[in-house]
Amino acid sequence: MIQRKGDWLSARVGDEVMMMSTEHGKYIGMNEVGSRIWDLLETPSDLATLCAQLQREFAVSPADCETEVRAFLAEMERNGAVAIDPA
């Protein structure tokens, strides 16, 4: 399961989201797809569910979606914005 973590504040600017964490002292800007993933993670989810939803909304192959979402989530985890439970 993947879920949001920490004290991140977010604000939408057009199709993008800007996030800030006072706990981590970091800022993150996300494009339209990253913003959508963040929105979907309002409810904890798994990789397959995220990718299925993104494939319905964006023109992306299953393999590319999984690769890109994994990379995005790894970066978000490094920044302390999400927790990934491999179980």
N, C-alpha and C. Protein backbone atom coordinates (compact mmCIF):
# COMPACT_ATOMS: atom_id res chain seq x y z
N MET A 1 0.84 -1.19 0.00
CA MET A 1 0.00 0.00 0.00
C MET A 1 0.88 1.24 0.00
N ILE A 2 0.39 2.26 -0.64
CA ILE A 2 1.07 3.54 -0.75
C ILE A 2 0.14 4.57 -0.13
N GLN A 3 0.70 5.40 0.74
CA GLN A 3 -0.13 6.43 1.37
C GLN A 3 0.68 7.69 1.59
N ARG A 4 -0.04 8.79 1.68
CA ARG A 4 0.59 10.07 1.99
C ARG A 4 1.21 10.01 3.39
N LYS A 5 2.24 10.82 3.59
CA LYS A 5 2.94 10.81 4.87
C LYS A 5 3.42 12.23 5.19
N GLY A 6 3.47 12.55 6.45
CA GLY A 6 4.06 13.81 6.88
C GLY A 6 3.08 14.97 6.91
N ASP A 7 3.66 16.14 7.03
CA ASP A 7 2.89 17.37 7.22
C ASP A 7 2.81 18.21 5.94
N TRP A 8 2.78 17.58 4.80
CA TRP A 8 2.83 18.31 3.53
C TRP A 8 1.59 19.15 3.31
N LEU A 9 1.81 20.41 2.98
CA LEU A 9 0.75 21.32 2.57
C LEU A 9 0.82 21.40 1.05
N SER A 10 -0.32 21.46 0.40
CA SER A 10 -0.30 21.52 -1.06
C SER A 10 -1.28 22.57 -1.56
N ALA A 11 -0.93 23.13 -2.72
CA ALA A 11 -1.80 24.12 -3.36
C ALA A 11 -1.75 23.86 -4.86
N ARG A 12 -2.90 23.90 -5.48
CA ARG A 12 -3.00 23.68 -6.92
C ARG A 12 -2.76 25.01 -7.64
N VAL A 13 -1.94 24.94 -8.69
CA VAL A 13 -1.66 26.08 -9.56
C VAL A 13 -1.91 25.58 -10.98
N GLY A 14 -3.10 25.83 -11.50
CA GLY A 14 -3.48 25.27 -12.80
C GLY A 14 -3.58 23.75 -12.68
N ASP A 15 -2.85 23.04 -13.55
CA ASP A 15 -2.85 21.57 -13.51
C ASP A 15 -1.76 21.03 -12.62
N GLU A 16 -0.98 21.89 -12.00
CA GLU A 16 0.14 21.46 -11.18
C GLU A 16 -0.14 21.65 -9.70
N VAL A 17 0.64 20.97 -8.88
CA VAL A 17 0.54 21.11 -7.43
C VAL A 17 1.90 21.50 -6.88
N MET A 18 1.91 22.46 -6.00
CA MET A 18 3.11 22.85 -5.27
C MET A 18 2.92 22.37 -3.84
N MET A 19 3.96 21.73 -3.31
CA MET A 19 3.87 21.18 -1.95
C MET A 19 5.02 21.71 -1.11
N MET A 20 4.75 21.82 0.19
CA MET A 20 5.76 22.28 1.13
C MET A 20 5.63 21.49 2.42
N SER A 21 6.79 21.13 2.98
CA SER A 21 6.82 20.45 4.27
C SER A 21 7.72 21.23 5.21
N THR A 22 7.14 21.74 6.30
CA THR A 22 7.97 22.42 7.29
C THR A 22 8.80 21.40 8.06
N GLU A 23 8.26 20.20 8.22
CA GLU A 23 8.97 19.13 8.92
C GLU A 23 10.27 18.77 8.20
N HIS A 24 10.19 18.68 6.87
CA HIS A 24 11.35 18.30 6.08
C HIS A 24 12.10 19.49 5.49
N GLY A 25 11.50 20.68 5.56
CA GLY A 25 12.12 21.87 4.98
C GLY A 25 12.28 21.76 3.48
N LYS A 26 11.29 21.19 2.80
CA LYS A 26 11.38 20.95 1.36
C LYS A 26 10.16 21.48 0.63
N TYR A 27 10.39 21.78 -0.64
CA TYR A 27 9.33 22.16 -1.56
C TYR A 27 9.36 21.17 -2.72
N ILE A 28 8.20 20.81 -3.22
CA ILE A 28 8.10 19.93 -4.38
C ILE A 28 7.06 20.51 -5.33
N GLY A 29 7.39 20.54 -6.60
CA GLY A 29 6.43 20.92 -7.63
C GLY A 29 6.11 19.70 -8.47
N MET A 30 4.84 19.49 -8.77
CA MET A 30 4.44 18.32 -9.54
C MET A 30 3.68 18.74 -10.79
N ASN A 31 3.94 18.04 -11.88
CA ASN A 31 3.21 18.28 -13.12
C ASN A 31 1.81 17.70 -13.02
N GLU A 32 1.09 17.72 -14.13
CA GLU A 32 -0.30 17.26 -14.13
C GLU A 32 -0.44 15.80 -13.69
N VAL A 33 0.44 14.93 -14.17
CA VAL A 33 0.34 13.51 -13.81
C VAL A 33 0.72 13.30 -12.35
N GLY A 34 1.81 13.92 -11.91
CA GLY A 34 2.20 13.81 -10.51
C GLY A 34 1.11 14.34 -9.59
N SER A 35 0.50 15.44 -10.01
CA SER A 35 -0.60 16.01 -9.23
C SER A 35 -1.77 15.04 -9.13
N ARG A 36 -2.04 14.34 -10.22
CA ARG A 36 -3.14 13.38 -10.21
C ARG A 36 -2.83 12.20 -9.29
N ILE A 37 -1.58 11.74 -9.31
CA ILE A 37 -1.18 10.66 -8.41
C ILE A 37 -1.36 11.12 -6.96
N TRP A 38 -0.94 12.34 -6.65
CA TRP A 38 -1.09 12.88 -5.30
C TRP A 38 -2.57 12.91 -4.91
N ASP A 39 -3.42 13.35 -5.84
CA ASP A 39 -4.86 13.37 -5.57
C ASP A 39 -5.38 11.95 -5.29
N LEU A 40 -4.96 11.00 -6.11
CA LEU A 40 -5.42 9.62 -5.93
C LEU A 40 -4.97 9.04 -4.59
N LEU A 41 -3.82 9.50 -4.09
CA LEU A 41 -3.30 8.99 -2.83
C LEU A 41 -3.99 9.61 -1.61
N GLU A 42 -5.01 10.42 -1.84
CA GLU A 42 -5.80 10.89 -0.71
C GLU A 42 -6.37 9.69 0.04
N THR A 43 -6.60 8.62 -0.72
CA THR A 43 -6.98 7.32 -0.15
C THR A 43 -5.82 6.37 -0.44
N PRO A 44 -5.27 5.70 0.58
CA PRO A 44 -4.17 4.76 0.33
C PRO A 44 -4.53 3.80 -0.80
N SER A 45 -3.52 3.48 -1.61
CA SER A 45 -3.76 2.67 -2.79
C SER A 45 -2.55 1.77 -3.05
N ASP A 46 -2.66 0.94 -4.07
CA ASP A 46 -1.52 0.14 -4.48
C ASP A 46 -1.12 0.54 -5.90
N LEU A 47 0.03 0.08 -6.34
CA LEU A 47 0.57 0.46 -7.64
C LEU A 47 -0.37 0.07 -8.77
N ALA A 48 -0.92 -1.13 -8.74
CA ALA A 48 -1.80 -1.59 -9.82
C ALA A 48 -3.03 -0.71 -9.95
N THR A 49 -3.62 -0.32 -8.83
CA THR A 49 -4.81 0.53 -8.85
C THR A 49 -4.48 1.91 -9.38
N LEU A 50 -3.35 2.47 -8.93
CA LEU A 50 -2.92 3.78 -9.43
C LEU A 50 -2.74 3.74 -10.94
N CYS A 51 -2.00 2.74 -11.42
CA CYS A 51 -1.71 2.65 -12.85
C CYS A 51 -2.98 2.42 -13.67
N ALA A 52 -3.89 1.61 -13.17
CA ALA A 52 -5.15 1.38 -13.89
C ALA A 52 -5.91 2.69 -14.06
N GLN A 53 -5.98 3.49 -13.01
CA GLN A 53 -6.70 4.76 -13.09
C GLN A 53 -5.98 5.73 -14.02
N LEU A 54 -4.66 5.81 -13.92
CA LEU A 54 -3.90 6.72 -14.78
C LEU A 54 -4.03 6.33 -16.25
N GLN A 55 -4.06 5.04 -16.55
CA GLN A 55 -4.21 4.59 -17.93
C GLN A 55 -5.58 4.95 -18.49
N ARG A 56 -6.58 5.04 -17.63
CA ARG A 56 -7.91 5.48 -18.08
C ARG A 56 -7.92 6.97 -18.39
N GLU A 57 -7.07 7.73 -17.72
CA GLU A 57 -7.09 9.18 -17.85
C GLU A 57 -6.04 9.75 -18.80
N PHE A 58 -4.95 9.03 -19.00
CA PHE A 58 -3.84 9.52 -19.81
C PHE A 58 -3.46 8.47 -20.86
N ALA A 59 -2.93 8.92 -21.97
CA ALA A 59 -2.48 8.02 -23.03
C ALA A 59 -1.10 7.48 -22.66
N VAL A 60 -1.08 6.33 -21.97
CA VAL A 60 0.18 5.74 -21.52
C VAL A 60 0.04 4.23 -21.53
N SER A 61 1.11 3.56 -21.96
CA SER A 61 1.09 2.10 -21.98
C SER A 61 1.22 1.56 -20.55
N PRO A 62 0.78 0.34 -20.32
CA PRO A 62 0.92 -0.24 -18.98
C PRO A 62 2.37 -0.27 -18.49
N ALA A 63 3.30 -0.66 -19.36
CA ALA A 63 4.71 -0.75 -18.95
C ALA A 63 5.28 0.63 -18.62
N ASP A 64 5.01 1.62 -19.49
CA ASP A 64 5.51 2.98 -19.23
C ASP A 64 4.89 3.56 -17.97
N CYS A 65 3.60 3.30 -17.78
CA CYS A 65 2.91 3.81 -16.59
C CYS A 65 3.57 3.26 -15.33
N GLU A 66 3.77 1.96 -15.28
CA GLU A 66 4.36 1.37 -14.09
C GLU A 66 5.77 1.90 -13.83
N THR A 67 6.57 2.01 -14.88
CA THR A 67 7.94 2.52 -14.74
C THR A 67 7.94 3.94 -14.20
N GLU A 68 7.11 4.80 -14.80
CA GLU A 68 7.06 6.20 -14.40
C GLU A 68 6.48 6.40 -13.01
N VAL A 69 5.43 5.66 -12.69
CA VAL A 69 4.81 5.79 -11.37
C VAL A 69 5.77 5.29 -10.30
N ARG A 70 6.47 4.19 -10.56
CA ARG A 70 7.47 3.70 -9.59
C ARG A 70 8.54 4.76 -9.33
N ALA A 71 9.03 5.39 -10.39
CA ALA A 71 10.06 6.43 -10.24
C ALA A 71 9.53 7.62 -9.45
N PHE A 72 8.31 8.05 -9.78
CA PHE A 72 7.69 9.16 -9.07
C PHE A 72 7.53 8.84 -7.58
N LEU A 73 7.01 7.65 -7.29
CA LEU A 73 6.78 7.27 -5.89
C LEU A 73 8.09 7.13 -5.13
N ALA A 74 9.13 6.64 -5.78
CA ALA A 74 10.44 6.53 -5.12
C ALA A 74 10.96 7.91 -4.75
N GLU A 75 10.78 8.87 -5.63
CA GLU A 75 11.21 10.25 -5.34
C GLU A 75 10.37 10.84 -4.20
N MET A 76 9.09 10.59 -4.22
CA MET A 76 8.22 11.10 -3.16
C MET A 76 8.58 10.44 -1.82
N GLU A 77 8.93 9.16 -1.85
CA GLU A 77 9.33 8.48 -0.62
C GLU A 77 10.64 9.06 -0.09
N ARG A 78 11.60 9.33 -0.98
CA ARG A 78 12.87 9.94 -0.56
C ARG A 78 12.65 11.30 0.10
N ASN A 79 11.63 12.02 -0.36
CA ASN A 79 11.31 13.33 0.20
C ASN A 79 10.41 13.25 1.43
N GLY A 80 10.00 12.05 1.81
CA GLY A 80 9.16 11.89 2.99
C GLY A 80 7.70 12.23 2.78
N ALA A 81 7.24 12.23 1.51
CA ALA A 81 5.86 12.60 1.22
C ALA A 81 4.92 11.39 1.16
N VAL A 82 5.48 10.20 0.92
CA VAL A 82 4.66 9.00 0.90
C VAL A 82 5.37 7.88 1.65
N ALA A 83 4.58 6.94 2.09
CA ALA A 83 5.11 5.71 2.69
C ALA A 83 4.67 4.56 1.80
N ILE A 84 5.61 3.68 1.49
CA ILE A 84 5.32 2.54 0.64
C ILE A 84 5.52 1.28 1.46
N ASP A 85 4.44 0.54 1.63
CA ASP A 85 4.49 -0.73 2.36
C ASP A 85 4.51 -1.85 1.32
N PRO A 86 5.61 -2.58 1.20
CA PRO A 86 5.71 -3.59 0.15
C PRO A 86 4.79 -4.79 0.33
N ALA A 87 4.13 -4.91 1.46
CA ALA A 87 3.28 -6.09 1.70
C ALA A 87 2.07 -6.14 0.81
